[in-house]
């Protein structure tokens, strides 16, 4: 989330100057500011958003959950042959059973 200083929102400069220190420090903010038509002083006091520990942990947990889900499926693919042998059938029949 971008935080703007109230006093900085009343600028008359339509474009940031090339030597503006805030543009050198945060080029991604300068690019977004130009895309949304923000003025020079609108960008000057903006800091990049930081994720809270809870947000960071949520992203890590969802990534690991997806990884474990993919790993389970991979293990299932490797054991399909043995499951088919156990039930005296062929591999396509077993894989069809898991797809429903």
N, C-alpha and C. Protein backbone atom coordinates (compact mmCIF):
# COMPACT_ATOMS: atom_id res chain seq x y z
N UNK A 1 0.85 -1.17 0.00
CA UNK A 1 0.00 0.00 0.00
C UNK A 1 0.89 1.23 0.00
N UNK A 2 0.58 2.19 -0.87
CA UNK A 2 1.36 3.41 -0.95
C UNK A 2 0.83 4.43 0.05
N UNK A 3 1.74 5.08 0.74
CA UNK A 3 1.36 6.11 1.70
C UNK A 3 1.86 7.45 1.17
N UNK A 4 0.95 8.39 0.98
CA UNK A 4 1.33 9.70 0.47
C UNK A 4 1.25 10.74 1.58
N UNK A 5 2.19 11.64 1.58
CA UNK A 5 2.17 12.76 2.50
C UNK A 5 1.12 13.75 1.99
N UNK A 6 0.22 14.22 2.86
CA UNK A 6 -0.88 15.11 2.46
C UNK A 6 -0.35 16.38 1.80
N UNK A 7 0.67 16.99 2.37
CA UNK A 7 1.19 18.24 1.82
C UNK A 7 1.83 18.02 0.45
N UNK A 8 2.35 16.84 0.21
CA UNK A 8 3.03 16.57 -1.05
C UNK A 8 2.05 16.33 -2.19
N UNK A 9 0.78 16.16 -1.90
CA UNK A 9 -0.20 15.87 -2.94
C UNK A 9 -0.64 17.12 -3.70
N UNK A 10 -0.18 18.30 -3.32
CA UNK A 10 -0.63 19.54 -3.95
C UNK A 10 0.51 20.16 -4.75
N UNK A 11 1.05 19.44 -5.68
CA UNK A 11 2.16 19.91 -6.48
C UNK A 11 1.66 20.47 -7.80
N UNK A 12 2.43 21.40 -8.37
CA UNK A 12 2.07 21.93 -9.68
C UNK A 12 2.97 21.38 -10.76
N UNK A 13 4.00 20.62 -10.41
CA UNK A 13 4.87 20.01 -11.41
C UNK A 13 4.17 18.84 -12.07
N UNK A 14 3.95 18.89 -13.38
CA UNK A 14 3.24 17.78 -14.02
C UNK A 14 4.09 16.53 -14.16
N UNK A 15 5.41 16.66 -14.25
CA UNK A 15 6.27 15.49 -14.43
C UNK A 15 7.46 15.56 -13.48
N UNK A 16 7.93 14.39 -13.00
CA UNK A 16 9.13 14.42 -12.15
C UNK A 16 10.35 14.84 -12.96
N UNK A 17 11.23 15.57 -12.33
CA UNK A 17 12.46 15.94 -13.02
C UNK A 17 13.39 14.73 -13.05
N UNK A 18 14.24 14.62 -14.09
CA UNK A 18 15.11 13.44 -14.19
C UNK A 18 16.08 13.29 -13.02
N UNK A 19 16.44 14.37 -12.36
CA UNK A 19 17.40 14.28 -11.27
C UNK A 19 16.76 14.13 -9.90
N UNK A 20 15.49 13.90 -9.84
CA UNK A 20 14.79 13.79 -8.56
C UNK A 20 15.34 12.60 -7.77
N UNK A 21 15.83 12.80 -6.53
CA UNK A 21 16.44 11.70 -5.77
C UNK A 21 15.46 10.57 -5.46
N UNK A 22 14.17 10.89 -5.33
CA UNK A 22 13.22 9.82 -5.04
C UNK A 22 13.09 8.87 -6.22
N UNK A 23 13.31 9.35 -7.43
CA UNK A 23 13.22 8.48 -8.60
C UNK A 23 14.43 7.56 -8.68
N UNK A 24 15.58 8.05 -8.24
CA UNK A 24 16.76 7.18 -8.25
C UNK A 24 16.65 6.11 -7.17
N UNK A 25 16.05 6.46 -6.04
CA UNK A 25 15.95 5.52 -4.93
C UNK A 25 14.92 4.43 -5.19
N UNK A 26 13.81 4.79 -5.78
CA UNK A 26 12.72 3.83 -6.00
C UNK A 26 12.24 3.91 -7.45
N UNK A 27 12.98 3.36 -8.40
CA UNK A 27 12.58 3.48 -9.81
C UNK A 27 11.25 2.81 -10.11
N UNK A 28 10.89 1.75 -9.37
CA UNK A 28 9.61 1.09 -9.62
C UNK A 28 8.44 2.00 -9.24
N UNK A 29 8.63 2.81 -8.20
CA UNK A 29 7.58 3.76 -7.80
C UNK A 29 7.47 4.87 -8.85
N UNK A 30 8.59 5.30 -9.38
CA UNK A 30 8.56 6.33 -10.42
C UNK A 30 7.82 5.82 -11.66
N UNK A 31 8.05 4.58 -12.01
CA UNK A 31 7.37 4.00 -13.18
C UNK A 31 5.86 3.94 -12.94
N UNK A 32 5.46 3.51 -11.76
CA UNK A 32 4.03 3.46 -11.44
C UNK A 32 3.43 4.86 -11.37
N UNK A 33 4.18 5.81 -10.83
CA UNK A 33 3.68 7.18 -10.74
C UNK A 33 3.43 7.74 -12.13
N UNK A 34 4.34 7.50 -13.06
CA UNK A 34 4.14 7.98 -14.42
C UNK A 34 2.93 7.30 -15.06
N UNK A 35 2.74 6.03 -14.77
CA UNK A 35 1.61 5.31 -15.36
C UNK A 35 0.28 5.83 -14.83
N UNK A 36 0.22 6.26 -13.57
CA UNK A 36 -1.03 6.75 -12.99
C UNK A 36 -1.14 8.27 -13.03
N UNK A 37 -0.16 8.94 -13.63
CA UNK A 37 -0.23 10.39 -13.77
C UNK A 37 0.01 11.16 -12.49
N UNK A 38 0.73 10.59 -11.54
CA UNK A 38 1.05 11.31 -10.30
C UNK A 38 2.14 12.34 -10.58
N UNK A 39 2.12 13.41 -9.82
CA UNK A 39 3.10 14.46 -10.01
C UNK A 39 4.36 14.19 -9.19
N UNK A 40 5.36 15.02 -9.41
CA UNK A 40 6.67 14.86 -8.79
C UNK A 40 6.58 14.73 -7.27
N UNK A 41 5.92 15.65 -6.61
CA UNK A 41 5.88 15.63 -5.15
C UNK A 41 4.98 14.52 -4.62
N UNK A 42 4.08 14.00 -5.44
CA UNK A 42 3.26 12.88 -5.01
C UNK A 42 4.13 11.66 -4.74
N UNK A 43 5.22 11.54 -5.48
CA UNK A 43 6.08 10.36 -5.41
C UNK A 43 7.18 10.52 -4.37
N UNK A 44 7.51 11.72 -4.05
CA UNK A 44 8.68 12.00 -3.23
C UNK A 44 8.66 11.31 -1.87
N UNK A 45 7.54 11.27 -1.19
CA UNK A 45 7.48 10.73 0.16
C UNK A 45 6.85 9.34 0.22
N UNK A 46 6.89 8.61 -0.86
CA UNK A 46 6.29 7.28 -0.91
C UNK A 46 7.35 6.24 -0.60
N UNK A 47 7.02 5.33 0.28
CA UNK A 47 7.91 4.22 0.60
C UNK A 47 7.30 2.93 0.05
N UNK A 48 8.10 1.98 -0.39
CA UNK A 48 7.55 0.71 -0.87
C UNK A 48 6.83 -0.03 0.25
N UNK A 49 5.78 -0.74 -0.11
CA UNK A 49 5.00 -1.49 0.88
C UNK A 49 5.82 -2.69 1.37
N UNK A 50 5.72 -2.97 2.62
CA UNK A 50 6.39 -4.13 3.22
C UNK A 50 5.32 -5.10 3.69
N UNK A 51 5.58 -6.38 3.50
CA UNK A 51 4.65 -7.41 3.97
C UNK A 51 4.79 -7.57 5.48
N UNK A 52 3.67 -7.74 6.13
CA UNK A 52 3.70 -8.01 7.57
C UNK A 52 4.14 -9.46 7.77
N UNK A 53 4.58 -9.82 8.96
CA UNK A 53 4.98 -11.22 9.20
C UNK A 53 3.84 -12.20 8.92
N UNK A 54 2.61 -11.80 9.24
CA UNK A 54 1.47 -12.70 8.97
C UNK A 54 1.27 -12.88 7.46
N UNK A 55 1.41 -11.81 6.67
CA UNK A 55 1.27 -11.92 5.22
C UNK A 55 2.38 -12.79 4.65
N UNK A 56 3.61 -12.58 5.12
CA UNK A 56 4.74 -13.37 4.64
C UNK A 56 4.53 -14.85 4.96
N UNK A 57 4.09 -15.15 6.18
CA UNK A 57 3.86 -16.55 6.57
C UNK A 57 2.72 -17.17 5.77
N UNK A 58 1.72 -16.38 5.41
CA UNK A 58 0.62 -16.89 4.60
C UNK A 58 1.10 -17.28 3.22
N UNK A 59 1.93 -16.46 2.62
CA UNK A 59 2.48 -16.78 1.29
C UNK A 59 3.35 -18.02 1.36
N UNK A 60 4.18 -18.12 2.37
CA UNK A 60 5.05 -19.30 2.52
C UNK A 60 4.21 -20.56 2.73
N UNK A 61 3.17 -20.48 3.57
CA UNK A 61 2.33 -21.65 3.83
C UNK A 61 1.58 -22.09 2.58
N UNK A 62 1.07 -21.12 1.79
CA UNK A 62 0.36 -21.53 0.58
C UNK A 62 1.31 -22.12 -0.45
N UNK A 63 2.52 -21.59 -0.55
CA UNK A 63 3.50 -22.16 -1.47
C UNK A 63 3.86 -23.59 -1.05
N UNK A 64 4.12 -23.78 0.24
CA UNK A 64 4.47 -25.13 0.71
C UNK A 64 3.29 -26.09 0.58
N UNK A 65 2.06 -25.61 0.79
CA UNK A 65 0.88 -26.46 0.61
C UNK A 65 0.75 -26.92 -0.83
N UNK A 66 0.95 -26.01 -1.77
CA UNK A 66 0.91 -26.39 -3.19
C UNK A 66 2.02 -27.36 -3.55
N UNK A 67 3.19 -27.16 -2.96
CA UNK A 67 4.32 -28.05 -3.22
C UNK A 67 4.02 -29.46 -2.70
N UNK A 68 3.47 -29.55 -1.49
CA UNK A 68 3.14 -30.87 -0.95
C UNK A 68 2.04 -31.55 -1.75
N UNK A 69 1.07 -30.78 -2.24
CA UNK A 69 0.01 -31.34 -3.07
C UNK A 69 0.58 -31.91 -4.37
N UNK A 70 1.49 -31.18 -4.99
CA UNK A 70 2.13 -31.67 -6.22
C UNK A 70 2.98 -32.90 -5.93
N UNK A 71 3.65 -32.92 -4.78
CA UNK A 71 4.48 -34.07 -4.41
C UNK A 71 3.62 -35.32 -4.21
N UNK A 72 2.47 -35.17 -3.56
CA UNK A 72 1.55 -36.30 -3.39
C UNK A 72 1.14 -36.88 -4.73
N UNK A 73 0.80 -36.01 -5.67
CA UNK A 73 0.38 -36.47 -6.98
C UNK A 73 1.53 -37.17 -7.69
N UNK A 74 2.73 -36.66 -7.56
CA UNK A 74 3.90 -37.28 -8.18
C UNK A 74 4.14 -38.68 -7.62
N UNK A 75 4.02 -38.83 -6.32
CA UNK A 75 4.18 -40.15 -5.70
C UNK A 75 3.11 -41.10 -6.22
N UNK A 76 1.89 -40.60 -6.36
CA UNK A 76 0.79 -41.43 -6.87
C UNK A 76 1.10 -41.92 -8.28
N UNK A 77 1.65 -41.06 -9.11
CA UNK A 77 2.00 -41.46 -10.47
C UNK A 77 3.04 -42.59 -10.46
N UNK A 78 3.98 -42.52 -9.55
CA UNK A 78 5.01 -43.56 -9.49
C UNK A 78 4.49 -44.89 -8.97
N UNK A 79 3.44 -44.90 -8.16
CA UNK A 79 2.95 -46.15 -7.59
C UNK A 79 1.73 -46.70 -8.33
N UNK A 80 1.28 -46.04 -9.40
CA UNK A 80 0.11 -46.53 -10.14
C UNK A 80 0.32 -47.95 -10.65
N UNK A 81 1.51 -48.24 -11.10
CA UNK A 81 1.81 -49.58 -11.63
C UNK A 81 1.61 -50.65 -10.54
N UNK A 82 2.08 -50.35 -9.35
CA UNK A 82 1.98 -51.32 -8.26
C UNK A 82 0.54 -51.45 -7.76
N UNK A 83 -0.21 -50.36 -7.77
CA UNK A 83 -1.62 -50.42 -7.40
C UNK A 83 -2.39 -51.27 -8.42
N UNK A 84 -2.08 -51.07 -9.71
CA UNK A 84 -2.74 -51.85 -10.76
C UNK A 84 -2.42 -53.34 -10.61
N UNK A 85 -1.18 -53.68 -10.28
CA UNK A 85 -0.81 -55.09 -10.07
C UNK A 85 -1.55 -55.69 -8.89
N UNK A 86 -1.70 -54.89 -7.83
CA UNK A 86 -2.38 -55.38 -6.63
C UNK A 86 -3.85 -55.71 -6.91
N UNK A 87 -4.49 -54.92 -7.75
CA UNK A 87 -5.91 -55.13 -8.06
C UNK A 87 -6.12 -55.90 -9.37
N UNK A 88 -5.04 -56.45 -9.93
CA UNK A 88 -5.08 -57.28 -11.15
C UNK A 88 -5.80 -56.56 -12.29
N UNK A 89 -5.37 -55.35 -12.55
CA UNK A 89 -5.93 -54.58 -13.66
C UNK A 89 -4.80 -53.81 -14.34
N UNK A 90 -5.15 -53.00 -15.33
CA UNK A 90 -4.11 -52.24 -16.02
C UNK A 90 -4.01 -50.80 -15.47
N UNK A 91 -2.92 -50.14 -15.81
CA UNK A 91 -2.64 -48.79 -15.28
C UNK A 91 -3.68 -47.77 -15.73
N UNK A 92 -4.14 -47.76 -17.00
CA UNK A 92 -5.16 -46.77 -17.39
C UNK A 92 -6.45 -46.88 -16.58
N UNK A 93 -6.85 -48.09 -16.20
CA UNK A 93 -8.06 -48.24 -15.40
C UNK A 93 -7.87 -47.64 -14.01
N UNK A 94 -6.70 -47.82 -13.43
CA UNK A 94 -6.42 -47.24 -12.10
C UNK A 94 -6.33 -45.71 -12.20
N UNK A 95 -5.68 -45.21 -13.24
CA UNK A 95 -5.56 -43.75 -13.36
C UNK A 95 -6.93 -43.13 -13.62
N UNK A 96 -7.81 -43.83 -14.34
CA UNK A 96 -9.18 -43.33 -14.52
C UNK A 96 -9.92 -43.26 -13.19
N UNK A 97 -9.67 -44.23 -12.33
CA UNK A 97 -10.34 -44.24 -11.01
C UNK A 97 -9.91 -43.04 -10.18
N UNK A 98 -8.67 -42.61 -10.31
CA UNK A 98 -8.19 -41.46 -9.53
C UNK A 98 -8.59 -40.13 -10.13
N UNK A 99 -9.03 -40.13 -11.39
CA UNK A 99 -9.39 -38.84 -12.01
C UNK A 99 -10.81 -38.42 -11.70
N UNK A 100 -11.62 -39.29 -11.10
CA UNK A 100 -13.02 -38.92 -10.82
C UNK A 100 -13.18 -38.36 -9.46
